[in-house]
Amino acid sequence: MDYSERIRKLTVELTEIPSIVGTKEEINVVKRIYDELASLKYFKEHPSNLKLIDVVDDKLNRKSVLAIVKGQKGHSNKTVVLIGHTDTVGISDYGHIREYATRPLELKDKLKEVSIPEDALKDLESGEYLFGRGIFDMKSGVAILMTILEDLANNVEDLEGNIVFAAVCDEEGNSGGMLSVVPELVKLKEEEGFDYQAIIDTDYMAPRFKGDNNRYVYVGTVGKIMPSFYIVGSEAHAGDPFRGIDPSHIASAIIEEINFNTKYCDEAEGEVTVPPISLRQQDLKQEYSVQTAKSSYLYFNFGTHKSTPDEIMKKIIEGASLAFQKVIDNLNIEYEKYCKANKFPYEKLPWEARVISFAELLEKVRDEKGAELDALLDRLNKELLEDESLDERLHALKIVEAIHNIWSDKNPVVIAYFSPPYYPHIYVKGDTEIEKNLLNAVNKAIESTDTKYNILMKKFYPYISDLSYGAAPREKNAIDSLKDNMPGFGSKYRLPLEEMQELNLPVVNIGPFGKDAHKFTERLEIDYSFSVVPKLVYKTIEELLK
């Protein structure tokens, strides 16, 4: 069946509904999707199979849509989960034409009035692309899934097996939509006896390098973890700096060691994550003075393909120790030069490189303070939760800072910990029957789709997505390391880890093709996205339900 015109129309309609992440307008596109599905005969006859799922503890009262279509042919419990996100990033990057950012049919003319990169201009003039905020990431993907779901629901007597579709909010933020849907999926599994086969997402797919004309289907997804460092130095007067050690100096050395360093990339089956990138570096001095800072902090974005939190912790402690020692070595070299120039006697500086994990800090302080530490943590968590200006990363930092402050050891130290959020990688090796089935289904879908495009299957969707929450590490040491080294885990930041482990599903992303997600030149290529992707998704579903 050719869905292309229906998908194109629905894509434009959904794009025209602004749904910037973290705003009340997110509910508008969710309501449109709900109403569209509710108008179908199937959901009129089975209204309990269509519901809105509240985001847990959400001040904006955002919701996701959950739709269930139960096949009426045969008695199979096989079930495929389809997901797509309904939110977008903001529109400020469109400048004075931002009122047209979500109006694709008008935006193409407005973009001709501004300066855009040459490759984007070429695509604009070709007529082969639609431009607009969210059209690529990922209103088109949602439209594809909705159209397939509508077709299956209208022909439910020919469907053997079941479909669960979740249109989730907040993917561009903290994944509140997906994290609220995961427990619902587990509940459905228990109540309905669903035998889940896989999760299919239709998030965007883009060229991986300049001149890349391939199209990609990704079985599996990259993970993300945020290694963080709280750095305590020793203050000094700026006129006598060698009497102290600057935490910002140590922080910059850690950045020099880790940032863009491919030795920290994670590799599996010849696919390599992007190297770590620092997302924040800042000293924690509150006022201006000629005293050097006492402390600073920084955190990194780490991609993962196979490394677990405990393995990452070991790597970053080794890297930070190396960086800290380099600072001390260089300080001694420069101090000796300084002393020689001034004809002062030189003595080696007293600093020692120390890097410990947050779990180690807790253990050391608990040995000293006992119940006093637990009381502090309880009180601190309550106080911090009341401060709505603190995001999850600052919440974690404040806990590390407060615990260090009551430790008797005031010597320079680097404390390594994890900041939220955490996205597990999902590596579909083909070791289990369910993984083999997904790999075979995707291969068959690609092979049986007649197309001019060169479609390649890869192992890891390279962009952070809600697919990560279809599973979680099952090794106890990996999960313990995450929980023990992430301050505020379970209070400010929650993950339904047990439910994710219960799902334990292989995942695949079969996405529309386009360019420049999160840029004002965001655009969707029409032919592959509307004509080929729906066939690939449909055939994958068909194979999984066989």
Protein backbone atom coordinates (compact mmCIF):
# COMPACT_ATOMS: atom_id res chain seq x y z
CA MET A 1 0.00 0.00 0.00
CA ASP A 2 1.26 3.50 -0.87
CA TYR A 3 1.04 5.66 2.24
CA SER A 4 3.13 8.55 0.93
CA GLU A 5 0.44 11.20 0.33
CA ARG A 6 -1.31 10.48 3.63
CA ILE A 7 2.01 10.66 5.50
CA ARG A 8 3.01 13.87 3.77
CA LYS A 9 -0.26 15.57 4.67
CA LEU A 10 -0.12 14.39 8.29
CA THR A 11 3.56 15.40 8.60
CA VAL A 12 2.76 18.97 7.62
CA GLU A 13 -0.26 19.08 9.93
CA LEU A 14 1.76 17.85 12.93
CA THR A 15 4.65 20.21 12.14
CA GLU A 16 2.24 23.14 12.10
CA ILE A 17 1.41 22.46 15.77
CA PRO A 18 4.24 24.00 17.84
CA SER A 19 5.43 21.65 20.58
CA ILE A 20 8.67 23.02 21.99
CA VAL A 21 10.06 20.82 24.72
CA GLY A 22 9.51 22.02 28.26
CA THR A 23 6.44 24.12 27.40
CA LYS A 24 2.70 23.64 27.88
CA GLU A 25 2.24 23.62 24.10
CA GLU A 26 3.62 20.05 24.02
CA ILE A 27 0.14 18.86 24.99
CA ASN A 28 -1.38 20.35 21.80
CA VAL A 29 0.26 17.92 19.39
CA VAL A 30 -0.40 15.02 21.76
CA LYS A 31 -4.10 15.96 21.78
CA ARG A 32 -4.13 16.11 17.97
CA ILE A 33 -2.64 12.60 17.74
CA TYR A 34 -5.09 11.29 20.34
CA ASP A 35 -8.08 12.81 18.54
CA GLU A 36 -6.93 11.47 15.17
CA LEU A 37 -6.66 7.93 16.52
CA ALA A 38 -9.88 8.22 18.53
CA SER A 39 -11.76 8.92 15.28
CA LEU A 40 -10.88 5.48 13.93
CA LYS A 41 -13.58 2.82 13.98
CA TYR A 42 -11.30 0.41 15.86
CA PHE A 43 -10.77 2.77 18.80
CA LYS A 44 -14.44 3.74 18.86
CA GLU A 45 -15.18 0.04 19.35
CA HIS A 46 -12.25 -0.44 21.78
CA PRO A 47 -11.93 2.91 23.61
CA SER A 48 -9.92 1.38 26.48
CA ASN A 49 -7.13 0.59 23.98
CA LEU A 50 -6.38 4.30 23.57
CA LYS A 51 -5.20 6.30 26.55
CA LEU A 52 -3.16 9.27 27.71
CA ILE A 53 -0.22 8.55 30.02
CA ASP A 54 0.74 11.32 32.45
CA VAL A 55 4.40 12.25 32.84
CA VAL A 56 5.24 11.46 36.46
CA ASP A 57 5.50 14.52 38.76
CA ASP A 58 5.34 16.92 35.82
CA LYS A 59 4.43 20.52 36.63
CA LEU A 60 3.35 21.10 33.02
CA ASN A 61 0.93 18.15 33.13
CA ARG A 62 2.36 16.77 29.91
CA LYS A 63 1.10 13.50 28.53
CA SER A 64 1.92 10.81 26.00
CA VAL A 65 -0.45 8.78 23.83
CA LEU A 66 -0.58 4.99 24.16
CA ALA A 67 -2.55 3.03 21.55
CA ILE A 68 -3.03 -0.74 21.40
CA VAL A 69 -4.24 -2.64 18.36
CA LYS A 70 -4.98 -6.33 18.98
CA GLY A 71 -5.01 -8.51 15.89
CA GLN A 72 -8.12 -10.63 15.32
CA LYS A 73 -6.48 -13.24 13.10
CA GLY A 74 -5.29 -16.30 15.00
CA HIS A 75 -4.22 -16.26 18.64
CA SER A 76 -0.66 -14.92 18.59
CA ASN A 77 0.60 -12.93 21.57
CA LYS A 78 3.53 -11.57 19.57
CA THR A 79 3.61 -7.79 19.95
CA VAL A 80 5.68 -5.04 18.36
CA VAL A 81 6.17 -1.69 20.14
CA LEU A 82 6.31 1.47 18.01
CA ILE A 83 7.58 4.75 19.49
CA GLY A 84 7.99 8.31 18.28
CA HIS A 85 8.46 11.63 20.07
CA THR A 86 6.15 14.58 19.66
CA ASP A 87 8.26 17.46 21.03
CA THR A 88 10.83 19.63 19.24
CA VAL A 89 13.69 21.92 20.16
CA GLY A 90 13.06 25.68 20.20
CA ILE A 91 12.74 28.11 17.31
CA SER A 92 14.91 31.07 18.38
CA ASP A 93 17.55 30.09 15.80
CA TYR A 94 15.13 31.15 13.03
CA GLY A 95 15.58 34.81 14.05
CA HIS A 96 13.13 37.26 12.49
CA ILE A 97 11.38 34.51 10.47
CA ARG A 98 10.70 32.33 13.52
CA GLU A 99 6.92 32.76 13.19
CA TYR A 100 7.22 30.62 10.05
CA ALA A 101 9.46 27.96 11.66
CA THR A 102 6.60 25.47 12.00
CA ARG A 103 4.84 26.39 8.74
CA PRO A 104 6.67 24.31 6.11
CA LEU A 105 4.59 25.43 3.16
CA GLU A 106 5.36 29.11 3.83
CA LEU A 107 8.86 28.71 5.29
CA LYS A 108 10.42 27.69 1.97
CA ASP A 109 9.77 31.17 0.54
CA LYS A 110 10.87 32.95 3.73
CA LEU A 111 14.19 31.08 3.73
CA LYS A 112 14.93 32.59 0.32
CA GLU A 113 14.99 35.99 2.04
CA VAL A 114 17.81 35.06 4.43
CA SER A 115 21.34 33.78 4.04
CA ILE A 116 21.56 30.01 4.36
CA PRO A 117 24.47 27.61 3.70
CA GLU A 118 25.07 26.60 0.09
CA ASP A 119 24.08 22.94 0.55
CA ALA A 120 20.82 23.95 2.24
CA LEU A 121 20.08 26.44 -0.54
CA LYS A 122 20.68 23.72 -3.14
CA ASP A 123 18.21 21.42 -1.34
CA LEU A 124 15.69 24.26 -1.01
CA GLU A 125 15.80 25.00 -4.73
CA SER A 126 15.62 21.31 -5.68
CA GLY A 127 12.07 20.96 -4.38
CA GLU A 128 13.03 17.58 -2.96
CA TYR A 129 12.98 18.71 0.68
CA LEU A 130 10.49 20.12 3.16
CA PHE A 131 11.88 22.58 5.72
CA GLY A 132 10.60 23.30 9.22
CA ARG A 133 11.23 22.92 12.92
CA GLY A 134 10.42 19.37 13.91
CA ILE A 135 9.48 18.18 10.43
CA PHE A 136 12.59 15.99 10.41
CA ASP A 137 13.05 15.50 14.16
CA MET A 138 10.54 13.89 14.28
CA LYS A 139 7.00 14.81 13.22
CA SER A 140 7.49 12.90 9.95
CA GLY A 141 8.47 9.76 11.88
CA VAL A 142 5.37 10.03 14.04
CA ALA A 143 3.22 10.51 10.94
CA ILE A 144 4.68 7.33 9.43
CA LEU A 145 3.84 5.28 12.53
CA MET A 146 0.36 6.78 12.85
CA THR A 147 -0.44 6.00 9.22
CA ILE A 148 0.75 2.39 9.53
CA LEU A 149 -1.19 2.01 12.80
CA GLU A 150 -4.34 3.40 11.14
CA ASP A 151 -4.00 0.90 8.29
CA LEU A 152 -3.50 -2.04 10.67
CA ALA A 153 -6.43 -0.91 12.84
CA ASN A 154 -8.68 -0.60 9.78
CA ASN A 155 -7.75 -4.14 8.75
CA VAL A 156 -7.53 -5.73 12.18
CA GLU A 157 -9.13 -8.96 10.98
CA ASP A 158 -5.98 -9.57 8.89
CA LEU A 159 -3.57 -8.77 11.73
CA GLU A 160 -2.09 -11.71 13.60
CA GLY A 161 -0.36 -10.36 16.71
CA ASN A 162 -0.52 -6.97 18.36
CA ILE A 163 0.81 -3.43 18.05
CA VAL A 164 1.50 -0.98 20.87
CA PHE A 165 2.15 2.60 19.71
CA ALA A 166 3.50 5.28 22.04
CA ALA A 167 3.71 8.92 20.95
CA VAL A 168 5.85 10.34 23.73
CA CYS A 169 6.59 13.87 24.87
CA ASP A 170 9.79 15.36 26.36
CA GLU A 171 12.31 13.34 24.33
CA GLU A 172 14.39 16.48 23.71
CA GLY A 173 14.45 17.15 27.45
CA ASN A 174 14.56 14.48 30.15
CA SER A 175 12.57 11.73 28.38
CA GLY A 176 9.74 12.06 30.89
CA GLY A 177 7.29 10.70 28.31
CA MET A 178 9.14 7.47 27.57
CA LEU A 179 10.11 6.93 31.21
CA SER A 180 6.41 7.13 32.13
CA VAL A 181 5.42 4.76 29.32
CA VAL A 182 7.96 2.03 30.20
CA PRO A 183 6.08 0.90 33.36
CA GLU A 184 2.86 0.87 31.30
CA LEU A 185 4.50 -1.46 28.77
CA VAL A 186 5.50 -3.84 31.58
CA LYS A 187 1.96 -3.65 32.98
CA LEU A 188 0.49 -4.53 29.57
CA LYS A 189 2.89 -7.44 29.25
CA GLU A 190 1.66 -8.84 32.56
CA GLU A 191 -2.07 -8.10 32.07
CA GLU A 192 -2.42 -8.95 28.36
CA GLY A 193 0.26 -11.62 28.07
CA PHE A 194 1.98 -9.65 25.29
CA ASP A 195 5.10 -11.32 23.95
CA TYR A 196 7.14 -8.28 22.98
CA GLN A 197 9.42 -8.79 19.97
CA ALA A 198 11.16 -5.42 19.58
CA ILE A 199 10.82 -1.65 19.75
CA ILE A 200 10.75 0.22 16.44
CA ASP A 201 11.48 3.96 16.40
CA THR A 202 11.31 6.25 13.36
CA ASP A 203 13.56 9.04 14.61
CA TYR A 204 15.61 10.90 12.04
CA MET A 205 18.47 9.50 9.96
CA ALA A 206 21.13 11.76 8.43
CA PRO A 207 24.34 11.56 6.36
CA ARG A 208 27.28 10.41 8.51
CA PHE A 209 29.94 12.28 6.53
CA LYS A 210 30.18 14.83 3.73
CA GLY A 211 28.93 13.36 0.48
CA ASP A 212 27.33 10.36 2.21
CA ASN A 213 24.45 9.14 0.01
CA ASN A 214 23.71 5.95 1.93
CA ARG A 215 20.52 5.36 3.87
CA TYR A 216 20.84 3.66 7.25
CA VAL A 217 18.76 1.38 9.42
CA TYR A 218 20.13 1.02 12.95
CA VAL A 219 19.56 -2.16 14.96
CA GLY A 220 20.57 -1.07 18.47
CA THR A 221 21.35 2.34 19.89
CA VAL A 222 24.17 4.34 21.40
CA GLY A 223 24.14 5.04 25.14
CA LYS A 224 25.06 8.18 27.04
CA ILE A 225 26.61 8.72 30.45
CA MET A 226 27.84 11.96 32.04
CA PRO A 227 31.15 11.57 33.91
CA SER A 228 31.60 14.55 36.21
CA PHE A 229 34.37 15.90 38.42
CA TYR A 230 34.23 17.96 41.59
CA ILE A 231 37.73 19.39 42.01
CA VAL A 232 39.08 20.73 45.28
CA GLY A 233 42.31 22.70 45.10
CA SER A 234 44.10 24.87 47.63
CA GLU A 235 43.56 28.62 47.70
CA ALA A 236 46.39 31.11 47.36
CA HIS A 237 46.88 34.85 46.97
CA ALA A 238 47.28 35.70 43.31
CA GLY A 239 50.55 37.41 44.25
CA ASP A 240 51.93 34.11 45.61
CA PRO A 241 50.22 31.46 43.44
CA PHE A 242 52.68 28.60 44.00
CA ARG A 243 51.43 28.33 47.58
CA GLY A 244 48.18 26.91 46.24
CA ILE A 245 46.94 24.68 43.47
CA ASP A 246 44.24 26.00 41.17
CA PRO A 247 41.22 23.68 40.68
CA SER A 248 40.56 25.32 37.30
CA HIS A 249 44.08 24.34 36.27
CA ILE A 250 43.30 20.73 37.17
CA ALA A 251 39.94 20.98 35.39
CA SER A 252 41.60 22.27 32.22
CA ALA A 253 44.10 19.39 32.37
CA ILE A 254 41.24 16.89 32.67
CA ILE A 255 39.61 18.52 29.63
CA GLU A 256 42.93 18.35 27.79
CA GLU A 257 43.17 14.64 28.63
CA ILE A 258 39.57 13.59 27.90
CA ASN A 259 37.98 16.09 25.51
CA PHE A 260 37.85 14.82 21.91
CA ASN A 261 40.31 12.08 22.87
CA THR A 262 39.44 9.05 20.76
CA LYS A 263 41.04 6.69 23.26
CA TYR A 264 37.87 7.21 25.31
CA CYS A 265 35.62 6.24 22.37
CA ASP A 266 33.65 3.02 22.75
CA GLU A 267 33.93 0.51 19.89
CA ALA A 268 31.88 -2.54 18.98
CA GLU A 269 31.88 -4.44 15.68
CA GLY A 270 33.81 -1.68 13.95
CA GLU A 271 31.37 1.05 14.97
CA VAL A 272 32.84 3.78 17.17
CA THR A 273 31.14 6.39 19.33
CA VAL A 274 32.02 10.06 19.03
CA PRO A 275 34.74 11.04 21.52
CA PRO A 276 33.78 12.67 24.84
CA ILE A 277 32.90 16.36 24.76
CA SER A 278 32.83 18.70 27.75
CA LEU A 279 29.42 20.26 28.38
CA ARG A 280 30.40 22.47 31.33
CA GLN A 281 33.48 23.75 33.13
CA GLN A 282 33.21 26.32 35.89
CA ASP A 283 34.86 27.36 39.15
CA LEU A 284 32.63 27.67 42.20
CA LYS A 285 33.98 30.91 43.64
CA GLN A 286 31.08 33.22 44.47
CA GLU A 287 32.82 36.62 44.55
CA TYR A 288 35.66 38.54 42.93
CA SER A 289 38.89 38.65 44.88
CA VAL A 290 42.59 38.08 44.30
CA GLN A 291 42.31 34.71 45.99
CA THR A 292 42.34 31.73 43.65
CA ALA A 293 39.28 29.48 43.64
CA LYS A 294 38.89 26.64 46.13
CA SER A 295 36.82 24.36 43.91
CA SER A 296 35.53 23.83 40.40
CA TYR A 297 33.55 21.24 38.47
CA LEU A 298 33.01 19.94 34.98
CA TYR A 299 31.14 17.21 33.17
CA PHE A 300 31.38 15.37 29.89
CA ASN A 301 29.08 13.70 27.41
CA PHE A 302 30.27 10.11 26.89
CA GLY A 303 28.81 7.81 24.25
CA THR A 304 28.76 4.07 24.90
CA HIS A 305 28.37 0.97 22.74
CA LYS A 306 29.38 -1.70 25.24
CA SER A 307 31.05 -0.10 28.29
CA THR A 308 29.05 -0.22 31.52
CA PRO A 309 29.03 2.47 34.26
CA ASP A 310 31.58 0.63 36.41
CA GLU A 311 33.95 0.35 33.44
CA ILE A 312 33.49 4.03 32.59
CA MET A 313 34.20 5.02 36.21
CA LYS A 314 37.48 3.13 36.12
CA LYS A 315 38.50 4.85 32.84
CA ILE A 316 37.73 8.36 34.02
CA ILE A 317 39.52 7.93 37.35
CA GLU A 318 42.62 6.79 35.45
CA GLY A 319 42.32 9.73 33.03
CA ALA A 320 41.79 12.32 35.76
CA SER A 321 44.71 10.90 37.78
CA LEU A 322 46.95 11.24 34.75
CA ALA A 323 45.79 14.84 34.22
CA PHE A 324 46.20 15.79 37.89
CA GLN A 325 49.76 14.40 37.96
CA LYS A 326 50.65 16.37 34.82
CA VAL A 327 49.53 19.59 36.53
CA ILE A 328 51.72 18.83 39.55
CA ASP A 329 54.72 17.91 37.37
CA ASN A 330 54.38 21.09 35.31
CA LEU A 331 53.91 23.24 38.41
CA ASN A 332 57.16 21.90 39.84
CA ILE A 333 58.99 22.61 36.59
CA GLU A 334 57.71 26.17 36.46
CA TYR A 335 58.26 26.74 40.18
CA GLU A 336 61.87 25.64 39.87
CA LYS A 337 62.36 28.09 36.99
CA TYR A 338 60.70 30.84 39.03
CA CYS A 339 62.89 30.16 42.08
CA LYS A 340 66.02 30.09 39.94
CA ALA A 341 65.12 33.39 38.26
CA ASN A 342 64.59 35.05 41.66
CA LYS A 343 67.53 33.25 43.32
CA PHE A 344 65.16 31.65 45.84
CA PRO A 345 65.81 28.18 47.26
CA TYR A 346 63.67 25.57 45.51
CA GLU A 347 61.76 22.87 47.34
CA LYS A 348 59.43 20.44 45.61
CA LEU A 349 55.77 21.48 45.97
CA PRO A 350 53.72 19.37 48.44
CA TRP A 351 50.82 18.39 46.15
CA GLU A 352 49.76 14.80 45.50
CA ALA A 353 47.42 13.65 42.75
CA ARG A 354 44.31 12.09 44.29
CA VAL A 355 41.20 11.01 42.42
CA ILE A 356 38.41 9.09 44.15
CA SER A 357 34.88 8.11 43.19
CA PHE A 358 31.79 9.56 44.85
CA ALA A 359 31.13 6.11 46.34
CA GLU A 360 34.59 6.20 47.94
CA LEU A 361 33.94 9.69 49.32
CA LEU A 362 30.70 8.48 50.89
CA GLU A 363 32.49 5.54 52.47
CA LYS A 364 35.25 7.72 53.92
CA VAL A 365 32.81 10.30 55.32
CA ARG A 366 30.51 7.60 56.68
CA ASP A 367 33.47 6.08 58.54
CA GLU A 368 34.03 9.46 60.20
CA LYS A 369 30.50 10.75 60.71
CA GLY A 370 28.27 7.66 60.82
CA ALA A 371 24.59 8.55 61.20
CA GLU A 372 25.41 12.25 60.86
CA LEU A 373 26.03 11.68 57.13
CA ASP A 374 22.64 10.01 56.61
CA ALA A 375 20.90 12.86 58.43
CA LEU A 376 22.74 15.38 56.25
CA LEU A 377 21.75 13.55 53.06
CA ASP A 378 18.08 13.38 54.07
CA ARG A 379 17.98 17.06 54.99
CA LEU A 380 19.96 18.13 51.94
CA ASN A 381 17.83 16.19 49.48
CA LYS A 382 14.65 17.76 50.88
CA GLU A 383 16.11 21.27 50.73
CA LEU A 384 17.43 20.81 47.21
CA LEU A 385 14.17 19.34 45.92
CA GLU A 386 12.37 22.48 47.10
CA ASP A 387 14.64 24.65 44.95
CA GLU A 388 13.05 24.45 41.51
CA SER A 389 15.89 26.46 39.96
CA LEU A 390 18.27 23.53 40.39
CA ASP A 391 18.36 21.07 37.54
CA GLU A 392 19.45 17.45 38.02
CA ARG A 393 23.11 18.23 37.37
CA LEU A 394 23.32 21.07 39.90
CA HIS A 395 21.41 18.93 42.40
CA ALA A 396 24.10 16.25 42.08
CA LEU A 397 26.89 18.81 42.40
CA LYS A 398 25.41 20.33 45.58
CA ILE A 399 25.31 16.89 47.20
CA VAL A 400 28.97 16.17 46.37
CA GLU A 401 29.98 19.61 47.61
CA ALA A 402 28.08 19.27 50.91
CA ILE A 403 29.46 15.82 51.67
CA HIS A 404 33.00 16.91 50.92
CA ASN A 405 32.56 19.94 53.19
CA ILE A 406 32.00 17.74 56.27
CA TRP A 407 35.00 15.51 55.50
CA SER A 408 37.99 16.20 57.74
CA ASP A 409 40.44 15.76 54.84
CA LYS A 410 40.90 19.18 53.23
CA ASN A 411 43.78 18.32 50.91
CA PRO A 412 43.36 18.74 47.15
CA VAL A 413 41.29 15.98 45.58
CA VAL A 414 39.22 15.20 42.49
CA ILE A 415 35.92 13.41 43.09
CA ALA A 416 34.58 11.54 40.08
CA TYR A 417 30.83 10.93 39.83
CA PHE A 418 28.00 10.64 37.32
CA SER A 419 25.52 13.41 36.57
CA PRO A 420 22.05 12.68 35.16
CA PRO A 421 20.78 11.74 32.65
CA TYR A 422 21.78 8.18 31.84
CA TYR A 423 20.84 6.44 28.60
CA PRO A 424 21.82 2.75 28.39
CA HIS A 425 23.21 1.55 25.08
CA ILE A 426 21.45 -1.41 23.49
CA TYR A 427 23.81 -3.72 21.64
CA VAL A 428 21.92 -6.24 19.50
CA LYS A 429 24.55 -8.94 19.06
CA GLY A 430 22.29 -11.73 17.83
CA ASP A 431 23.11 -13.89 20.85
CA THR A 432 19.48 -14.54 21.76
CA GLU A 433 16.50 -15.76 19.75
CA ILE A 434 14.72 -12.42 20.06
CA GLU A 435 17.80 -10.54 18.81
CA LYS A 436 18.25 -12.95 15.88
CA ASN A 437 14.59 -12.46 14.95
CA LEU A 438 14.97 -8.68 14.79
CA LEU A 439 18.19 -8.83 12.77
CA ASN A 440 16.55 -11.28 10.34
CA ALA A 441 13.37 -9.19 10.10
CA VAL A 442 15.29 -6.02 9.27
CA ASN A 443 17.51 -7.79 6.75
CA LYS A 444 14.47 -9.27 4.99
CA ALA A 445 12.71 -5.88 4.98
CA ILE A 446 15.74 -4.23 3.36
CA GLU A 447 16.26 -7.04 0.83
CA SER A 448 12.60 -7.15 -0.23
CA THR A 449 12.21 -3.38 -0.65
CA ASP A 450 12.68 -2.38 -4.28
CA THR A 451 14.43 1.00 -4.20
CA LYS A 452 17.14 3.03 -5.90
CA TYR A 453 18.74 3.80 -2.53
CA ASN A 454 21.68 1.96 -0.99
CA ILE A 455 20.31 0.95 2.42
CA LEU A 456 22.83 -0.25 5.01
CA MET A 457 22.13 -1.89 8.35
CA LYS A 458 24.27 -0.60 11.21
CA LYS A 459 24.44 -1.66 14.85
CA PHE A 460 24.04 1.57 16.82
CA TYR A 461 21.67 4.47 16.23
CA PRO A 462 24.22 7.28 16.74
CA TYR A 463 21.96 9.92 18.28
CA ILE A 464 20.67 9.82 21.85
CA SER A 465 17.05 8.70 21.85
CA ASP A 466 14.24 7.13 23.85
CA LEU A 467 15.17 3.75 22.37
CA SER A 468 17.70 3.49 25.23
CA TYR A 469 14.92 2.89 27.73
CA GLY A 470 13.84 -0.39 26.16
CA ALA A 471 16.45 -2.19 28.26
CA ALA A 472 19.05 -1.67 31.00
CA PRO A 473 22.29 -3.39 32.03
CA ARG A 474 21.62 -6.58 33.94
CA GLU A 475 25.05 -6.88 35.56
CA LYS A 476 24.71 -6.00 39.25
CA ASN A 477 28.08 -4.24 39.44
CA ALA A 478 27.13 -2.00 36.50
CA ILE A 479 23.85 -0.86 38.05
CA ASP A 480 25.37 -0.54 41.53
CA SER A 481 28.13 1.67 40.14
CA LEU A 482 25.55 3.90 38.46
CA LYS A 483 23.39 4.27 41.58
CA ASP A 484 26.29 4.58 44.04
CA ASN A 485 28.09 7.23 41.99
CA MET A 486 25.12 9.35 40.88
CA PRO A 487 24.20 11.80 43.67
CA GLY A 488 20.44 12.32 43.88
CA PHE A 489 19.60 9.07 42.11
CA GLY A 490 16.16 7.95 43.25
CA SER A 491 15.15 11.42 44.50
CA LYS A 492 15.80 14.20 41.99
CA TYR A 493 16.53 11.77 39.16
CA ARG A 494 14.59 8.57 38.69
CA LEU A 495 14.85 5.75 36.20
CA PRO A 496 12.49 2.76 36.07
CA LEU A 497 15.52 0.46 35.96
CA GLU A 498 13.66 -2.68 37.06
CA GLU A 499 10.99 -2.18 34.40
CA MET A 500 13.66 -1.47 31.76
CA GLN A 501 15.41 -4.70 32.75
CA GLU A 502 12.07 -6.51 32.60
CA LEU A 503 11.43 -5.28 29.03
CA ASN A 504 14.99 -6.06 27.90
CA LEU A 505 14.06 -5.57 24.24
CA PRO A 506 16.16 -5.27 21.10
CA VAL A 507 15.50 -2.03 19.25
CA VAL A 508 15.69 -0.66 15.73
CA ASN A 509 15.49 2.83 14.25
CA ILE A 510 14.10 3.04 10.72
CA GLY A 511 14.05 6.76 10.19
CA PRO A 512 13.23 9.31 7.51
CA PHE A 513 16.18 10.93 5.75
CA GLY A 514 17.08 14.59 6.03
CA LYS A 515 19.65 17.07 7.22
CA ASP A 516 20.42 19.64 9.92
CA ALA A 517 18.32 18.45 12.86
CA HIS A 518 18.34 21.16 15.55
CA LYS A 519 19.40 23.82 13.02
CA PHE A 520 17.20 26.44 11.34
CA THR A 521 17.91 24.67 8.04
CA GLU A 522 16.32 21.44 9.38
CA ARG A 523 14.84 19.64 6.40
CA LEU A 524 13.27 16.37 5.34
CA GLU A 525 13.97 14.61 2.05
CA ILE A 526 10.60 13.72 0.55
CA ASP A 527 11.03 10.65 -1.63
CA TYR A 528 12.89 8.22 0.66
CA SER A 529 11.10 9.44 3.78
CA PHE A 530 7.54 9.14 2.49
CA SER A 531 7.88 6.30 -0.04
CA VAL A 532 10.58 3.94 1.26
CA VAL A 533 10.66 4.22 5.07
CA PRO A 534 6.99 3.24 5.53
CA LYS A 535 7.59 0.06 3.49
CA LEU A 536 10.65 -0.82 5.58
CA VAL A 537 8.75 -0.28 8.83
CA TYR A 538 5.69 -2.22 7.65
CA LYS A 539 7.76 -5.16 6.38
CA THR A 540 9.78 -5.27 9.61
CA ILE A 541 6.56 -5.41 11.64
CA GLU A 542 5.22 -8.11 9.32
CA GLU A 543 8.36 -10.25 9.72
CA LEU A 544 8.43 -9.83 13.51
CA LEU A 545 4.81 -10.93 13.86
CA LYS A 546 5.20 -14.03 11.64
